PDB file of N, CA and C in Angstrom:
ATOM      1  N   UNK A   1       3.267 -58.161 -12.243  1.00  0.00           N
ATOM      2  CA  UNK A   1       2.460 -57.295 -13.267  1.00  0.00           C
ATOM      3  C   UNK A   1       1.337 -56.275 -12.876  1.00  0.00           C
ATOM      4  N   UNK A   2       0.730 -57.049 -11.958  1.00  0.00           N
ATOM      5  CA  UNK A   2      -0.325 -56.113 -11.259  1.00  0.00           C
ATOM      6  C   UNK A   2       0.297 -55.041 -10.399  1.00  0.00           C
ATOM      7  N   UNK A   3       1.286 -55.229  -9.668  1.00  0.00           N
ATOM      8  CA  UNK A   3       1.825 -54.317  -8.841  1.00  0.00           C
ATOM      9  C   UNK A   3       2.414 -53.121  -9.796  1.00  0.00           C
ATOM     10  N   UNK A   4       3.159 -53.555 -10.867  1.00  0.00           N
ATOM     11  CA  UNK A   4       3.582 -52.498 -11.780  1.00  0.00           C
ATOM     12  C   UNK A   4       2.661 -51.575 -12.351  1.00  0.00           C
ATOM     13  N   UNK A   5       1.447 -51.982 -12.712  1.00  0.00           N
ATOM     14  CA  UNK A   5       0.264 -51.187 -13.048  1.00  0.00           C
ATOM     15  C   UNK A   5      -0.075 -50.249 -11.928  1.00  0.00           C
ATOM     16  N   UNK A   6      -0.332 -50.838 -10.731  1.00  0.00           N
ATOM     17  CA  UNK A   6      -0.679 -49.867  -9.728  1.00  0.00           C
ATOM     18  C   UNK A   6       0.513 -48.900  -9.358  1.00  0.00           C
ATOM     19  N   UNK A   7       1.562 -49.093  -9.371  1.00  0.00           N
ATOM     20  CA  UNK A   7       2.810 -48.251  -9.364  1.00  0.00           C
ATOM     21  C   UNK A   7       2.635 -47.105 -10.387  1.00  0.00           C
ATOM     22  N   UNK A   8       2.501 -47.443 -11.483  1.00  0.00           N
ATOM     23  CA  UNK A   8       2.378 -46.482 -12.569  1.00  0.00           C
ATOM     24  C   UNK A   8       1.107 -45.499 -12.399  1.00  0.00           C
ATOM     25  N   UNK A   9       0.023 -46.065 -12.033  1.00  0.00           N
ATOM     26  CA  UNK A   9      -1.216 -45.379 -11.609  1.00  0.00           C
ATOM     27  C   UNK A   9      -0.952 -44.264 -10.543  1.00  0.00           C
ATOM     28  N   UNK A  10      -0.228 -44.830  -9.417  1.00  0.00           N
ATOM     29  CA  UNK A  10       0.275 -43.975  -8.176  1.00  0.00           C
ATOM     30  C   UNK A  10       1.024 -42.776  -8.691  1.00  0.00           C
ATOM     31  N   UNK A  11       2.145 -43.185  -9.437  1.00  0.00           N
ATOM     32  CA  UNK A  11       3.083 -42.067 -10.012  1.00  0.00           C
ATOM     33  C   UNK A  11       2.108 -41.075 -10.802  1.00  0.00           C
ATOM     34  N   UNK A  12       1.464 -41.624 -11.776  1.00  0.00           N
ATOM     35  CA  UNK A  12       0.650 -40.510 -12.624  1.00  0.00           C
ATOM     36  C   UNK A  12      -0.319 -39.707 -11.732  1.00  0.00           C
ATOM     37  N   UNK A  13      -1.011 -40.276 -10.793  1.00  0.00           N
ATOM     38  CA  UNK A  13      -1.854 -39.424 -10.007  1.00  0.00           C
ATOM     39  C   UNK A  13      -1.053 -38.603  -9.102  1.00  0.00           C
ATOM     40  N   UNK A  14       0.045 -38.896  -8.474  1.00  0.00           N
ATOM     41  CA  UNK A  14       0.849 -38.087  -7.724  1.00  0.00           C
ATOM     42  C   UNK A  14       1.653 -36.891  -8.673  1.00  0.00           C
ATOM     43  N   UNK A  15       1.900 -37.405  -9.956  1.00  0.00           N
ATOM     44  CA  UNK A  15       2.489 -36.214 -10.587  1.00  0.00           C
ATOM     45  C   UNK A  15       1.361 -34.993 -10.992  1.00  0.00           C
ATOM     46  N   UNK A  16       0.184 -35.428 -11.220  1.00  0.00           N
ATOM     47  CA  UNK A  16      -0.824 -34.548 -11.567  1.00  0.00           C
ATOM     48  C   UNK A  16      -1.177 -33.824 -10.318  1.00  0.00           C
ATOM     49  N   UNK A  17      -1.192 -34.360  -9.212  1.00  0.00           N
ATOM     50  CA  UNK A  17      -1.342 -33.624  -7.881  1.00  0.00           C
ATOM     51  C   UNK A  17      -0.314 -32.670  -7.681  1.00  0.00           C
ATOM     52  N   UNK A  18       0.969 -33.061  -7.962  1.00  0.00           N
ATOM     53  CA  UNK A  18       2.156 -32.037  -7.630  1.00  0.00           C
ATOM     54  C   UNK A  18       1.999 -30.762  -8.534  1.00  0.00           C
ATOM     55  N   UNK A  19       1.622 -30.957  -9.985  1.00  0.00           N
ATOM     56  CA  UNK A  19       1.423 -30.026 -10.856  1.00  0.00           C
ATOM     57  C   UNK A  19       0.472 -28.972 -10.407  1.00  0.00           C
ATOM     58  N   UNK A  20      -0.925 -29.671  -9.937  1.00  0.00           N
ATOM     59  CA  UNK A  20      -1.900 -28.857  -9.760  1.00  0.00           C
ATOM     60  C   UNK A  20      -1.594 -28.188  -8.339  1.00  0.00           C
ATOM     61  N   UNK A  21      -0.866 -28.556  -7.279  1.00  0.00           N
ATOM     62  CA  UNK A  21      -0.502 -27.880  -6.145  1.00  0.00           C
ATOM     63  C   UNK A  21       0.352 -26.791  -6.320  1.00  0.00           C
ATOM     64  N   UNK A  22       1.372 -27.123  -7.347  1.00  0.00           N
ATOM     65  CA  UNK A  22       2.355 -26.055  -7.781  1.00  0.00           C
ATOM     66  C   UNK A  22       1.758 -24.997  -8.529  1.00  0.00           C
ATOM     67  N   UNK A  23       0.695 -25.244  -9.230  1.00  0.00           N
ATOM     68  CA  UNK A  23       0.060 -24.026  -9.876  1.00  0.00           C
ATOM     69  C   UNK A  23      -0.515 -23.154  -8.980  1.00  0.00           C
ATOM     70  N   UNK A  24      -1.183 -23.654  -7.881  1.00  0.00           N
ATOM     71  CA  UNK A  24      -1.989 -23.092  -6.838  1.00  0.00           C
ATOM     72  C   UNK A  24      -0.903 -22.299  -6.135  1.00  0.00           C
ATOM     73  N   UNK A  25       0.205 -22.719  -5.852  1.00  0.00           N
ATOM     74  CA  UNK A  25       1.237 -22.082  -4.980  1.00  0.00           C
ATOM     75  C   UNK A  25       1.723 -20.780  -5.907  1.00  0.00           C
ATOM     76  N   UNK A  26       2.000 -21.170  -7.183  1.00  0.00           N
ATOM     77  CA  UNK A  26       2.552 -20.003  -7.980  1.00  0.00           C
ATOM     78  C   UNK A  26       1.317 -18.847  -8.069  1.00  0.00           C
ATOM     79  N   UNK A  27       0.138 -19.277  -8.254  1.00  0.00           N
ATOM     80  CA  UNK A  27      -0.935 -18.257  -8.443  1.00  0.00           C
ATOM     81  C   UNK A  27      -0.990 -17.340  -6.994  1.00  0.00           C
ATOM     82  N   UNK A  28      -0.881 -18.077  -5.957  1.00  0.00           N
ATOM     83  CA  UNK A  28      -0.965 -17.440  -4.691  1.00  0.00           C
ATOM     84  C   UNK A  28       0.142 -16.380  -4.479  1.00  0.00           C
ATOM     85  N   UNK A  29       1.494 -16.974  -4.992  1.00  0.00           N
ATOM     86  CA  UNK A  29       2.565 -16.038  -4.839  1.00  0.00           C
ATOM     87  C   UNK A  29       2.370 -14.809  -5.687  1.00  0.00           C
ATOM     88  N   UNK A  30       1.839 -14.909  -6.957  1.00  0.00           N
ATOM     89  CA  UNK A  30       1.565 -13.845  -7.663  1.00  0.00           C
ATOM     90  C   UNK A  30       0.663 -12.828  -7.061  1.00  0.00           C
ATOM     91  N   UNK A  31      -0.249 -13.318  -6.379  1.00  0.00           N
ATOM     92  CA  UNK A  31      -1.212 -12.265  -5.737  1.00  0.00           C
ATOM     93  C   UNK A  31      -0.709 -11.629  -4.611  1.00  0.00           C
ATOM     94  N   UNK A  32       0.403 -12.398  -3.847  1.00  0.00           N
ATOM     95  CA  UNK A  32       0.965 -11.803  -2.624  1.00  0.00           C
ATOM     96  C   UNK A  32       1.871 -10.777  -3.235  1.00  0.00           C
ATOM     97  N   UNK A  33       2.492 -10.996  -4.333  1.00  0.00           N
ATOM     98  CA  UNK A  33       3.385 -10.037  -5.032  1.00  0.00           C
ATOM     99  C   UNK A  33       2.780  -8.757  -5.236  1.00  0.00           C
ATOM    100  N   UNK A  34       1.621  -8.971  -6.063  1.00  0.00           N
ATOM    101  CA  UNK A  34       0.632  -7.801  -6.312  1.00  0.00           C
ATOM    102  C   UNK A  34       0.223  -6.924  -5.044  1.00  0.00           C
ATOM    103  N   UNK A  35      -0.122  -7.684  -4.063  1.00  0.00           N
ATOM    104  CA  UNK A  35      -0.622  -7.053  -2.753  1.00  0.00           C
ATOM    105  C   UNK A  35       0.514  -6.341  -2.260  1.00  0.00           C
ATOM    106  N   UNK A  36       1.669  -6.850  -2.120  1.00  0.00           N
ATOM    107  CA  UNK A  36       2.995  -6.265  -1.561  1.00  0.00           C
ATOM    108  C   UNK A  36       3.252  -4.899  -2.334  1.00  0.00           C
ATOM    109  N   UNK A  37       3.090  -4.984  -3.646  1.00  0.00           N
ATOM    110  CA  UNK A  37       3.267  -3.668  -4.375  1.00  0.00           C
ATOM    111  C   UNK A  37       2.488  -2.620  -4.125  1.00  0.00           C
ATOM    112  N   UNK A  38       1.107  -2.905  -4.019  1.00  0.00           N
ATOM    113  CA  UNK A  38       0.121  -2.117  -3.802  1.00  0.00           C
ATOM    114  C   UNK A  38       0.498  -1.291  -2.244  1.00  0.00           C
ATOM    115  N   UNK A  39       0.765  -2.290  -1.233  1.00  0.00           N
ATOM    116  CA  UNK A  39       1.230  -1.605   0.122  1.00  0.00           C
ATOM    117  C   UNK A  39       2.256  -0.880  -0.039  1.00  0.00           C
ATOM    118  N   UNK A  40       3.401  -1.129  -0.935  1.00  0.00           N
ATOM    119  CA  UNK A  40       4.461  -0.318  -1.067  1.00  0.00           C
ATOM    120  C   UNK A  40       4.010   1.123  -1.686  1.00  0.00           C
ATOM    121  N   UNK A  41       3.197   0.998  -2.445  1.00  0.00           N
ATOM    122  CA  UNK A  41       2.594   2.276  -3.137  1.00  0.00           C
ATOM    123  C   UNK A  41       1.728   3.202  -2.039  1.00  0.00           C
ATOM    124  N   UNK A  42       1.023   2.355  -1.276  1.00  0.00           N
ATOM    125  CA  UNK A  42       0.258   3.149  -0.149  1.00  0.00           C
ATOM    126  C   UNK A  42       0.977   3.634   0.859  1.00  0.00           C
ATOM    127  N   UNK A  43       2.102   2.954   1.332  1.00  0.00           N
ATOM    128  CA  UNK A  43       2.902   3.358   2.385  1.00  0.00           C
ATOM    129  C   UNK A  43       3.684   4.832   1.774  1.00  0.00           C
ATOM    130  N   UNK A  44       4.107   4.798   0.535  1.00  0.00           N
ATOM    131  CA  UNK A  44       4.760   5.957   0.009  1.00  0.00           C
ATOM    132  C   UNK A  44       3.863   7.042   0.123  1.00  0.00           C
ATOM    133  N   UNK A  45       2.619   6.848  -0.329  1.00  0.00           N
ATOM    134  CA  UNK A  45       1.621   7.889  -0.264  1.00  0.00           C
ATOM    135  C   UNK A  45       1.281   8.490   1.077  1.00  0.00           C
ATOM    136  N   UNK A  46       1.313   7.438   2.154  1.00  0.00           N
ATOM    137  CA  UNK A  46       1.125   8.058   3.597  1.00  0.00           C
ATOM    138  C   UNK A  46       2.300   8.876   4.010  1.00  0.00           C
ATOM    139  N   UNK A  47       3.571   8.249   3.462  1.00  0.00           N
ATOM    140  CA  UNK A  47       5.036   8.921   4.036  1.00  0.00           C
ATOM    141  C   UNK A  47       4.825  10.378   3.471  1.00  0.00           C
ATOM    142  N   UNK A  48       4.544  10.516   2.150  1.00  0.00           N
ATOM    143  CA  UNK A  48       4.432  11.857   1.560  1.00  0.00           C
ATOM    144  C   UNK A  48       3.471  12.738   2.183  1.00  0.00           C
ATOM    145  N   UNK A  49       2.220  12.100   2.611  1.00  0.00           N
ATOM    146  CA  UNK A  49       1.260  13.037   3.303  1.00  0.00           C
ATOM    147  C   UNK A  49       1.706  13.262   4.657  1.00  0.00           C
ATOM    148  N   UNK A  50       2.516  12.438   5.355  1.00  0.00           N
ATOM    149  CA  UNK A  50       2.756  12.830   6.727  1.00  0.00           C
ATOM    150  C   UNK A  50       3.888  13.884   6.495  1.00  0.00           C
ATOM    151  N   UNK A  51       4.733  13.825   5.558  1.00  0.00           N
ATOM    152  CA  UNK A  51       5.624  14.814   5.440  1.00  0.00           C
ATOM    153  C   UNK A  51       5.026  16.293   5.072  1.00  0.00           C
ATOM    154  N   UNK A  52       4.021  16.214   4.343  1.00  0.00           N
ATOM    155  CA  UNK A  52       3.358  17.643   3.974  1.00  0.00           C
ATOM    156  C   UNK A  52       2.650  17.876   5.319  1.00  0.00           C
ATOM    157  N   UNK A  53       1.856  17.116   6.137  1.00  0.00           N
ATOM    158  CA  UNK A  53       1.266  17.511   7.163  1.00  0.00           C
ATOM    159  C   UNK A  53       2.329  18.109   8.407  1.00  0.00           C
ATOM    160  N   UNK A  54       3.653  17.510   8.430  1.00  0.00           N
ATOM    161  CA  UNK A  54       4.624  17.902   9.333  1.00  0.00           C
ATOM    162  C   UNK A  54       5.007  19.422   8.962  1.00  0.00           C
ATOM    163  N   UNK A  55       5.171  19.692   7.604  1.00  0.00           N
ATOM    164  CA  UNK A  55       5.667  20.889   7.195  1.00  0.00           C
ATOM    165  C   UNK A  55       4.629  21.923   7.379  1.00  0.00           C
ATOM    166  N   UNK A  56       3.272  21.757   7.231  1.00  0.00           N
ATOM    167  CA  UNK A  56       2.230  22.615   7.321  1.00  0.00           C
ATOM    168  C   UNK A  56       2.118  22.958   9.000  1.00  0.00           C
ATOM    169  N   UNK A  57       2.317  21.942   9.614  1.00  0.00           N
ATOM    170  CA  UNK A  57       2.100  22.024  11.171  1.00  0.00           C
ATOM    171  C   UNK A  57       3.354  23.017  11.638  1.00  0.00           C
ATOM    172  N   UNK A  58       4.496  22.817  11.063  1.00  0.00           N
ATOM    173  CA  UNK A  58       5.762  23.443  11.331  1.00  0.00           C
ATOM    174  C   UNK A  58       5.563  24.983  10.979  1.00  0.00           C
ATOM    175  N   UNK A  59       4.977  25.175   9.866  1.00  0.00           N
ATOM    176  CA  UNK A  59       4.766  26.438   9.470  1.00  0.00           C
ATOM    177  C   UNK A  59       3.619  27.166  10.409  1.00  0.00           C
ATOM    178  N   UNK A  60       2.649  26.565  10.655  1.00  0.00           N
ATOM    179  CA  UNK A  60       1.714  27.240  11.573  1.00  0.00           C
ATOM    180  C   UNK A  60       2.098  27.369  13.019  1.00  0.00           C
ATOM    181  N   UNK A  61       3.093  26.489  13.507  1.00  0.00           N
ATOM    182  CA  UNK A  61       3.767  26.683  14.723  1.00  0.00           C
ATOM    183  C   UNK A  61       4.610  27.987  14.671  1.00  0.00           C
ATOM    184  N   UNK A  62       5.375  28.092  13.650  1.00  0.00           N
ATOM    185  CA  UNK A  62       6.134  29.226  13.616  1.00  0.00           C
ATOM    186  C   UNK A  62       5.348  30.648  13.534  1.00  0.00           C
ATOM    187  N   UNK A  63       4.214  30.432  12.857  1.00  0.00           N
ATOM    188  CA  UNK A  63       3.216  31.722  12.470  1.00  0.00           C
ATOM    189  C   UNK A  63       2.780  32.228  14.214  1.00  0.00           C
ATOM    190  N   UNK A  64       2.276  31.057  14.789  1.00  0.00           N
ATOM    191  CA  UNK A  64       1.905  31.148  16.037  1.00  0.00           C
ATOM    192  C   UNK A  64       2.895  31.788  17.001  1.00  0.00           C
ATOM    193  N   UNK A  65       4.103  31.268  16.823  1.00  0.00           N
ATOM    194  CA  UNK A  65       5.117  31.662  17.707  1.00  0.00           C
ATOM    195  C   UNK A  65       5.522  33.250  17.225  1.00  0.00           C
ATOM    196  N   UNK A  66       5.380  33.754  16.239  1.00  0.00           N
ATOM    197  CA  UNK A  66       5.587  34.962  15.704  1.00  0.00           C
ATOM    198  C   UNK A  66       4.705  35.903  16.053  1.00  0.00           C
ATOM    199  N   UNK A  67       3.352  35.595  15.596  1.00  0.00           N
ATOM    200  CA  UNK A  67       2.232  36.538  15.875  1.00  0.00           C
ATOM    201  C   UNK A  67       1.400  36.265  16.947  1.00  0.00           C
ATOM    202  N   UNK A  68       1.535  35.222  17.507  1.00  0.00           N
ATOM    203  CA  UNK A  68       0.637  34.874  18.779  1.00  0.00           C
ATOM    204  C   UNK A  68      -0.680  34.038  18.025  1.00  0.00           C
ATOM    205  N   UNK A  69      -1.490  33.787  18.853  1.00  0.00           N
ATOM    206  CA  UNK A  69      -2.843  33.051  18.338  1.00  0.00           C
ATOM    207  C   UNK A  69      -3.892  34.193  17.961  1.00  0.00           C
ATOM    208  N   UNK A  70      -4.052  34.250  16.602  1.00  0.00           N
ATOM    209  CA  UNK A  70      -4.994  35.223  16.111  1.00  0.00           C
ATOM    210  C   UNK A  70      -5.965  34.457  15.357  1.00  0.00           C
ATOM    211  N   UNK A  71      -7.330  34.825  15.211  1.00  0.00           N
ATOM    212  CA  UNK A  71      -8.170  33.969  14.652  1.00  0.00           C
ATOM    213  C   UNK A  71      -7.944  34.122  13.083  1.00  0.00           C
ATOM    214  N   UNK A  72      -7.428  35.406  12.674  1.00  0.00           N
ATOM    215  CA  UNK A  72      -7.352  35.307  11.134  1.00  0.00           C
ATOM    216  C   UNK A  72      -6.003  34.501  10.734  1.00  0.00           C
ATOM    217  N   UNK A  73      -5.102  34.135  11.526  1.00  0.00           N
ATOM    218  CA  UNK A  73      -4.072  33.147  11.293  1.00  0.00           C
ATOM    219  C   UNK A  73      -4.795  31.766  11.071  1.00  0.00           C
ATOM    220  N   UNK A  74      -5.578  31.367  11.980  1.00  0.00           N
ATOM    221  CA  UNK A  74      -6.197  29.864  11.846  1.00  0.00           C
ATOM    222  C   UNK A  74      -7.107  30.037  10.586  1.00  0.00           C
ATOM    223  N   UNK A  75      -7.694  30.790  10.286  1.00  0.00           N
ATOM    224  CA  UNK A  75      -8.622  30.969   9.168  1.00  0.00           C
ATOM    225  C   UNK A  75      -7.690  30.840   7.848  1.00  0.00           C
ATOM    226  N   UNK A  76      -6.709  31.575   7.781  1.00  0.00           N
ATOM    227  CA  UNK A  76      -5.781  31.543   6.596  1.00  0.00           C
ATOM    228  C   UNK A  76      -5.060  30.182   6.489  1.00  0.00           C
ATOM    229  N   UNK A  77      -4.621  29.518   7.668  1.00  0.00           N
ATOM    230  CA  UNK A  77      -3.981  28.320   7.615  1.00  0.00           C
ATOM    231  C   UNK A  77      -4.986  27.275   6.943  1.00  0.00           C
ATOM    232  N   UNK A  78      -6.351  27.277   7.482  1.00  0.00           N
ATOM    233  CA  UNK A  78      -7.251  26.236   6.927  1.00  0.00           C
ATOM    234  C   UNK A  78      -7.499  26.456   5.246  1.00  0.00           C
ATOM    235  N   UNK A  79      -7.517  27.943   4.945  1.00  0.00           N
ATOM    236  CA  UNK A  79      -7.746  28.315   3.589  1.00  0.00           C
ATOM    237  C   UNK A  79      -6.446  27.631   2.903  1.00  0.00           C
ATOM    238  N   UNK A  80      -5.243  27.896   3.309  1.00  0.00           N
ATOM    239  CA  UNK A  80      -4.076  27.290   2.702  1.00  0.00           C
ATOM    240  C   UNK A  80      -4.148  25.908   2.310  1.00  0.00           C
ATOM    241  N   UNK A  81      -4.511  25.086   3.291  1.00  0.00           N
ATOM    242  CA  UNK A  81      -4.623  23.653   3.295  1.00  0.00           C
ATOM    243  C   UNK A  81      -5.670  23.199   2.415  1.00  0.00           C
ATOM    244  N   UNK A  82      -6.995  23.771   2.282  1.00  0.00           N
ATOM    245  CA  UNK A  82      -7.925  23.503   1.270  1.00  0.00           C
ATOM    246  C   UNK A  82      -7.641  23.942  -0.029  1.00  0.00           C
ATOM    247  N   UNK A  83      -6.766  25.005  -0.150  1.00  0.00           N
ATOM    248  CA  UNK A  83      -6.446  25.235  -1.709  1.00  0.00           C
ATOM    249  C   UNK A  83      -5.376  24.461  -2.213  1.00  0.00           C
ATOM    250  N   UNK A  84      -4.631  23.952  -1.295  1.00  0.00           N
ATOM    251  CA  UNK A  84      -3.566  22.906  -1.690  1.00  0.00           C
ATOM    252  C   UNK A  84      -4.288  21.693  -2.143  1.00  0.00           C
ATOM    253  N   UNK A  85      -5.256  21.272  -1.387  1.00  0.00           N
ATOM    254  CA  UNK A  85      -6.026  20.017  -1.901  1.00  0.00           C
ATOM    255  C   UNK A  85      -6.789  20.321  -3.181  1.00  0.00           C
ATOM    256  N   UNK A  86      -7.453  21.359  -3.376  1.00  0.00           N
ATOM    257  CA  UNK A  86      -8.012  21.702  -4.692  1.00  0.00           C
ATOM    258  C   UNK A  86      -7.091  21.537  -5.768  1.00  0.00           C
ATOM    259  N   UNK A  87      -5.970  22.243  -5.720  1.00  0.00           N
ATOM    260  CA  UNK A  87      -4.916  22.450  -6.682  1.00  0.00           C
ATOM    261  C   UNK A  87      -4.189  20.931  -7.034  1.00  0.00           C
ATOM    262  N   UNK A  88      -4.106  20.195  -5.984  1.00  0.00           N
ATOM    263  CA  UNK A  88      -3.718  18.805  -6.030  1.00  0.00           C
ATOM    264  C   UNK A  88      -4.489  17.888  -6.895  1.00  0.00           C
ATOM    265  N   UNK A  89      -5.773  18.176  -6.638  1.00  0.00           N
ATOM    266  CA  UNK A  89      -6.689  17.165  -7.293  1.00  0.00           C
ATOM    267  C   UNK A  89      -6.927  17.491  -8.895  1.00  0.00           C
ATOM    268  N   UNK A  90      -6.569  18.801  -9.307  1.00  0.00           N
ATOM    269  CA  UNK A  90      -6.715  19.073 -10.820  1.00  0.00           C
ATOM    270  C   UNK A  90      -5.555  18.396 -11.448  1.00  0.00           C
TER     271      UNK A  90
END
């Protein structure tokens, strides 16, 4: 009879421990899913930014190729970039 009570206590404590560990693991998995979703969003923004930068550099390269290196072209290029940023923030 005494061993039966010990077995019941053991299984009760084990069941509570399993439920507790499962709850912690589920919470950790939820946080990992949120972090991965944020990383996906960040990588999408980086990809879009790099594509925009590549397009701008391609335009600048073509302008330099056509007109040569002129100070006015460099100034216009940077004005164009900063005007895009101001318009994008609005």
